[in-house]
N, C-alpha and C. Protein backbone atom coordinates (compact mmCIF):
# COMPACT_ATOMS: atom_id res chain seq x y z
N MET A 1 17.12 118.89 -120.63
CA MET A 1 16.04 118.08 -121.17
C MET A 1 15.58 117.09 -120.10
N SER A 2 14.28 117.01 -119.89
CA SER A 2 13.74 116.09 -118.89
C SER A 2 13.79 114.65 -119.41
N GLN A 3 13.64 113.70 -118.49
CA GLN A 3 13.61 112.29 -118.89
C GLN A 3 12.42 112.01 -119.80
N HIS A 4 11.28 112.63 -119.51
CA HIS A 4 10.09 112.46 -120.34
C HIS A 4 10.36 112.95 -121.77
N GLU A 5 10.96 114.11 -121.90
CA GLU A 5 11.28 114.65 -123.23
C GLU A 5 12.25 113.76 -123.98
N LEU A 6 13.20 113.18 -123.27
CA LEU A 6 14.15 112.26 -123.90
C LEU A 6 13.42 111.02 -124.41
N LEU A 7 12.51 110.47 -123.61
CA LEU A 7 11.76 109.28 -124.04
C LEU A 7 10.86 109.60 -125.23
N VAL A 8 10.29 110.79 -125.28
CA VAL A 8 9.47 111.20 -126.43
C VAL A 8 10.30 111.16 -127.70
N GLN A 9 11.56 111.56 -127.60
CA GLN A 9 12.44 111.53 -128.77
C GLN A 9 12.84 110.10 -129.16
N LEU A 10 12.93 109.20 -128.18
CA LEU A 10 13.39 107.83 -128.43
C LEU A 10 12.28 106.87 -128.86
N VAL A 11 11.05 107.12 -128.44
CA VAL A 11 9.98 106.15 -128.65
C VAL A 11 9.70 105.96 -130.14
N LYS A 12 9.53 104.71 -130.53
CA LYS A 12 9.19 104.38 -131.91
C LYS A 12 7.70 104.63 -132.11
N GLN A 13 7.37 105.43 -133.10
CA GLN A 13 5.98 105.73 -133.39
C GLN A 13 5.51 104.88 -134.56
N LEU A 14 4.32 104.29 -134.41
CA LEU A 14 3.77 103.39 -135.42
C LEU A 14 2.47 103.96 -135.98
N PRO A 15 2.13 103.64 -137.23
CA PRO A 15 0.87 104.11 -137.81
C PRO A 15 -0.35 103.67 -136.98
N THR A 16 -0.26 102.56 -136.26
CA THR A 16 -1.38 102.04 -135.46
C THR A 16 -1.56 102.78 -134.15
N ASP A 17 -0.65 103.70 -133.80
CA ASP A 17 -0.77 104.50 -132.60
C ASP A 17 -1.79 105.62 -132.83
N PHE A 18 -2.38 106.11 -131.72
CA PHE A 18 -3.26 107.27 -131.81
C PHE A 18 -2.48 108.50 -132.23
N GLU A 19 -3.16 109.41 -132.95
CA GLU A 19 -2.58 110.71 -133.25
C GLU A 19 -2.25 111.42 -131.94
N PRO A 20 -1.24 112.16 -131.80
CA PRO A 20 -0.30 112.62 -132.81
C PRO A 20 0.88 111.67 -133.01
N HIS A 21 0.88 110.54 -132.33
CA HIS A 21 2.00 109.59 -132.41
C HIS A 21 1.93 108.73 -133.67
N GLY A 22 0.73 108.44 -134.12
CA GLY A 22 0.52 107.59 -135.29
C GLY A 22 -0.61 108.13 -136.14
N SER A 23 -1.24 107.24 -136.91
CA SER A 23 -2.29 107.64 -137.86
C SER A 23 -3.71 107.40 -137.36
N ARG A 24 -3.87 106.66 -136.26
CA ARG A 24 -5.22 106.36 -135.76
C ARG A 24 -5.87 107.59 -135.15
N SER A 25 -7.11 107.81 -135.51
CA SER A 25 -7.88 108.93 -134.97
C SER A 25 -8.47 108.55 -133.63
N CYS A 26 -8.26 109.37 -132.63
CA CYS A 26 -8.86 109.14 -131.31
C CYS A 26 -10.37 109.30 -131.37
N THR A 27 -10.84 110.07 -132.32
CA THR A 27 -12.27 110.33 -132.45
C THR A 27 -12.97 109.21 -133.22
N ASP A 28 -12.41 108.81 -134.36
CA ASP A 28 -13.06 107.83 -135.23
C ASP A 28 -12.74 106.39 -134.88
N ASP A 29 -11.62 106.14 -134.23
CA ASP A 29 -11.18 104.77 -133.95
C ASP A 29 -10.80 104.64 -132.48
N TRP A 30 -11.62 105.25 -131.62
CA TRP A 30 -11.28 105.29 -130.21
C TRP A 30 -11.41 103.92 -129.57
N GLY A 31 -10.55 103.67 -128.63
CA GLY A 31 -10.59 102.51 -127.77
C GLY A 31 -9.75 102.84 -126.56
N PRO A 32 -9.80 102.03 -125.53
CA PRO A 32 -8.99 102.33 -124.35
C PRO A 32 -7.50 102.30 -124.68
N ASP A 33 -6.75 103.10 -123.97
CA ASP A 33 -5.29 103.07 -124.14
C ASP A 33 -4.67 102.52 -122.85
N CYS A 34 -3.37 102.46 -122.81
CA CYS A 34 -2.67 101.86 -121.67
C CYS A 34 -2.99 102.56 -120.36
N SER A 35 -3.34 103.85 -120.42
CA SER A 35 -3.65 104.59 -119.20
C SER A 35 -4.94 104.10 -118.55
N CYS A 36 -5.71 103.29 -119.27
CA CYS A 36 -6.96 102.75 -118.74
C CYS A 36 -6.75 101.43 -117.99
N GLY A 37 -5.51 101.03 -117.78
CA GLY A 37 -5.22 99.85 -116.98
C GLY A 37 -5.03 98.56 -117.75
N CYS A 38 -4.40 98.61 -118.90
CA CYS A 38 -4.16 97.39 -119.68
C CYS A 38 -3.21 96.46 -118.91
N LYS A 39 -3.59 95.19 -118.82
CA LYS A 39 -2.76 94.24 -118.08
C LYS A 39 -1.45 93.93 -118.78
N HIS A 40 -1.31 94.32 -120.03
CA HIS A 40 -0.08 94.06 -120.79
C HIS A 40 0.91 95.23 -120.74
N PHE A 41 0.52 96.32 -120.10
CA PHE A 41 1.37 97.50 -120.00
C PHE A 41 2.24 97.37 -118.76
N LEU A 42 3.52 97.12 -118.97
CA LEU A 42 4.47 96.97 -117.87
C LEU A 42 5.12 98.31 -117.60
N GLU A 43 4.75 98.94 -116.51
CA GLU A 43 5.21 100.28 -116.20
C GLU A 43 6.70 100.32 -115.91
N LEU A 44 7.36 101.39 -116.36
CA LEU A 44 8.75 101.62 -116.00
C LEU A 44 8.83 101.91 -114.51
N ALA A 45 9.98 101.70 -113.94
CA ALA A 45 10.18 101.96 -112.51
C ALA A 45 10.18 103.46 -112.24
N GLY A 46 9.86 103.82 -111.03
CA GLY A 46 9.91 105.22 -110.61
C GLY A 46 8.78 106.05 -111.19
N THR A 47 8.96 107.35 -111.17
CA THR A 47 7.91 108.25 -111.62
C THR A 47 7.66 108.17 -113.12
N LEU A 48 8.62 107.70 -113.90
CA LEU A 48 8.38 107.53 -115.35
C LEU A 48 7.27 106.51 -115.60
N GLY A 49 7.08 105.59 -114.67
CA GLY A 49 6.04 104.57 -114.79
C GLY A 49 4.63 105.12 -114.76
N TYR A 50 4.46 106.40 -114.36
CA TYR A 50 3.14 107.00 -114.42
C TYR A 50 2.69 107.20 -115.86
N ASP A 51 3.64 107.33 -116.78
CA ASP A 51 3.32 107.61 -118.19
C ASP A 51 3.93 106.62 -119.18
N TRP A 52 4.95 105.90 -118.77
CA TRP A 52 5.74 105.09 -119.70
C TRP A 52 5.83 103.64 -119.27
N GLY A 53 5.87 102.75 -120.25
CA GLY A 53 6.04 101.33 -119.98
C GLY A 53 6.45 100.59 -121.24
N VAL A 54 6.33 99.27 -121.17
CA VAL A 54 6.62 98.40 -122.30
C VAL A 54 5.40 97.50 -122.50
N CYS A 55 4.99 97.32 -123.74
CA CYS A 55 3.85 96.45 -124.04
C CYS A 55 4.32 94.99 -124.06
N SER A 56 3.57 94.13 -123.37
CA SER A 56 3.94 92.71 -123.30
C SER A 56 2.94 91.80 -124.03
N HIS A 57 2.04 92.39 -124.83
CA HIS A 57 1.08 91.57 -125.59
C HIS A 57 1.74 91.18 -126.91
N ILE A 58 1.99 89.90 -127.08
CA ILE A 58 2.77 89.40 -128.21
C ILE A 58 2.15 89.76 -129.56
N GLN A 59 0.82 89.94 -129.64
CA GLN A 59 0.17 90.24 -130.91
C GLN A 59 0.09 91.74 -131.20
N SER A 60 0.40 92.56 -130.22
CA SER A 60 0.32 94.00 -130.41
C SER A 60 1.48 94.50 -131.26
N PRO A 61 1.23 95.49 -132.12
CA PRO A 61 2.33 96.10 -132.87
C PRO A 61 3.37 96.74 -131.94
N ARG A 62 2.98 97.07 -130.70
CA ARG A 62 3.88 97.71 -129.74
C ARG A 62 4.58 96.68 -128.85
N ALA A 63 4.42 95.40 -129.10
CA ALA A 63 5.02 94.36 -128.27
C ALA A 63 6.52 94.58 -128.13
N GLY A 64 6.99 94.62 -126.88
CA GLY A 64 8.40 94.76 -126.60
C GLY A 64 8.95 96.17 -126.78
N LEU A 65 8.06 97.13 -127.07
CA LEU A 65 8.51 98.49 -127.34
C LEU A 65 8.19 99.44 -126.19
N LEU A 66 9.07 100.40 -126.00
CA LEU A 66 8.80 101.52 -125.11
C LEU A 66 7.50 102.16 -125.59
N THR A 67 6.59 102.43 -124.65
CA THR A 67 5.27 102.92 -125.02
C THR A 67 4.82 104.03 -124.08
N PHE A 68 4.36 105.13 -124.64
CA PHE A 68 3.72 106.19 -123.88
C PHE A 68 2.27 105.76 -123.66
N GLU A 69 1.74 105.95 -122.47
CA GLU A 69 0.44 105.39 -122.10
C GLU A 69 -0.72 105.81 -123.00
N HIS A 70 -0.61 106.88 -123.75
CA HIS A 70 -1.71 107.34 -124.59
C HIS A 70 -1.52 107.03 -126.08
N MET A 71 -0.59 106.14 -126.40
CA MET A 71 -0.37 105.80 -127.81
C MET A 71 -1.49 104.92 -128.37
N GLY A 72 -2.15 104.16 -127.54
CA GLY A 72 -3.28 103.35 -127.97
C GLY A 72 -2.89 102.02 -128.57
N CYS A 73 -3.80 101.05 -128.46
CA CYS A 73 -3.55 99.70 -128.97
C CYS A 73 -4.87 98.96 -129.07
N ARG A 74 -5.06 98.24 -130.14
CA ARG A 74 -6.31 97.47 -130.32
C ARG A 74 -6.32 96.18 -129.49
N PHE A 75 -5.23 95.87 -128.80
CA PHE A 75 -5.14 94.64 -128.02
C PHE A 75 -5.28 94.89 -126.52
N PHE A 76 -5.90 96.00 -126.15
CA PHE A 76 -6.13 96.33 -124.75
C PHE A 76 -6.90 95.21 -124.06
N GLU A 77 -6.44 94.84 -122.87
CA GLU A 77 -7.19 93.92 -122.01
C GLU A 77 -7.14 94.49 -120.60
N GLU A 78 -8.29 94.59 -119.98
CA GLU A 78 -8.36 95.17 -118.65
C GLU A 78 -7.56 94.34 -117.66
N GLY A 79 -6.78 95.03 -116.84
CA GLY A 79 -5.97 94.38 -115.83
C GLY A 79 -6.68 94.32 -114.51
N GLU A 80 -5.97 93.82 -113.52
CA GLU A 80 -6.50 93.74 -112.17
C GLU A 80 -6.35 95.10 -111.49
N GLU A 81 -7.30 95.43 -110.66
CA GLU A 81 -7.24 96.67 -109.90
C GLU A 81 -6.93 96.34 -108.45
N ALA A 82 -6.14 97.19 -107.82
CA ALA A 82 -5.83 96.99 -106.40
C ALA A 82 -6.80 97.81 -105.57
N ASP A 83 -7.29 97.22 -104.47
CA ASP A 83 -8.13 97.98 -103.57
C ASP A 83 -7.26 98.76 -102.59
N GLU A 84 -7.87 99.46 -101.65
CA GLU A 84 -7.08 100.30 -100.75
C GLU A 84 -6.14 99.50 -99.86
N ASN A 85 -6.34 98.19 -99.74
CA ASN A 85 -5.46 97.33 -98.95
C ASN A 85 -4.33 96.73 -99.78
N GLY A 86 -4.32 97.03 -101.08
CA GLY A 86 -3.28 96.50 -101.96
C GLY A 86 -3.62 95.14 -102.55
N SER A 87 -4.81 94.59 -102.23
CA SER A 87 -5.22 93.30 -102.80
C SER A 87 -5.72 93.51 -104.21
N LYS A 88 -5.25 92.68 -105.14
CA LYS A 88 -5.66 92.82 -106.53
C LYS A 88 -6.87 91.94 -106.81
N HIS A 89 -7.75 92.47 -107.67
CA HIS A 89 -8.95 91.73 -108.10
C HIS A 89 -9.44 92.30 -109.41
N ASN A 90 -10.27 91.55 -110.13
CA ASN A 90 -10.86 92.02 -111.40
C ASN A 90 -12.13 92.78 -111.15
């Protein structure tokens, strides 16, 4: 079993997550997800951080929880982007 498959089994799924993880429709209730650069998505170390992290937005239902980047959250806030020199800016 891969590490990704193990995390899929461990992650807590909430009704507020996008389908198939929760009850929110990606079509009817779409909004950006963590993969769109949410500043509250703290990526896991290593290659798992490409898909997995922990939500640090205190008001989010996913606060403090292991989160797959496509689970979705209504508390998305755009983070800083790094340019090719590694300097971060909005």
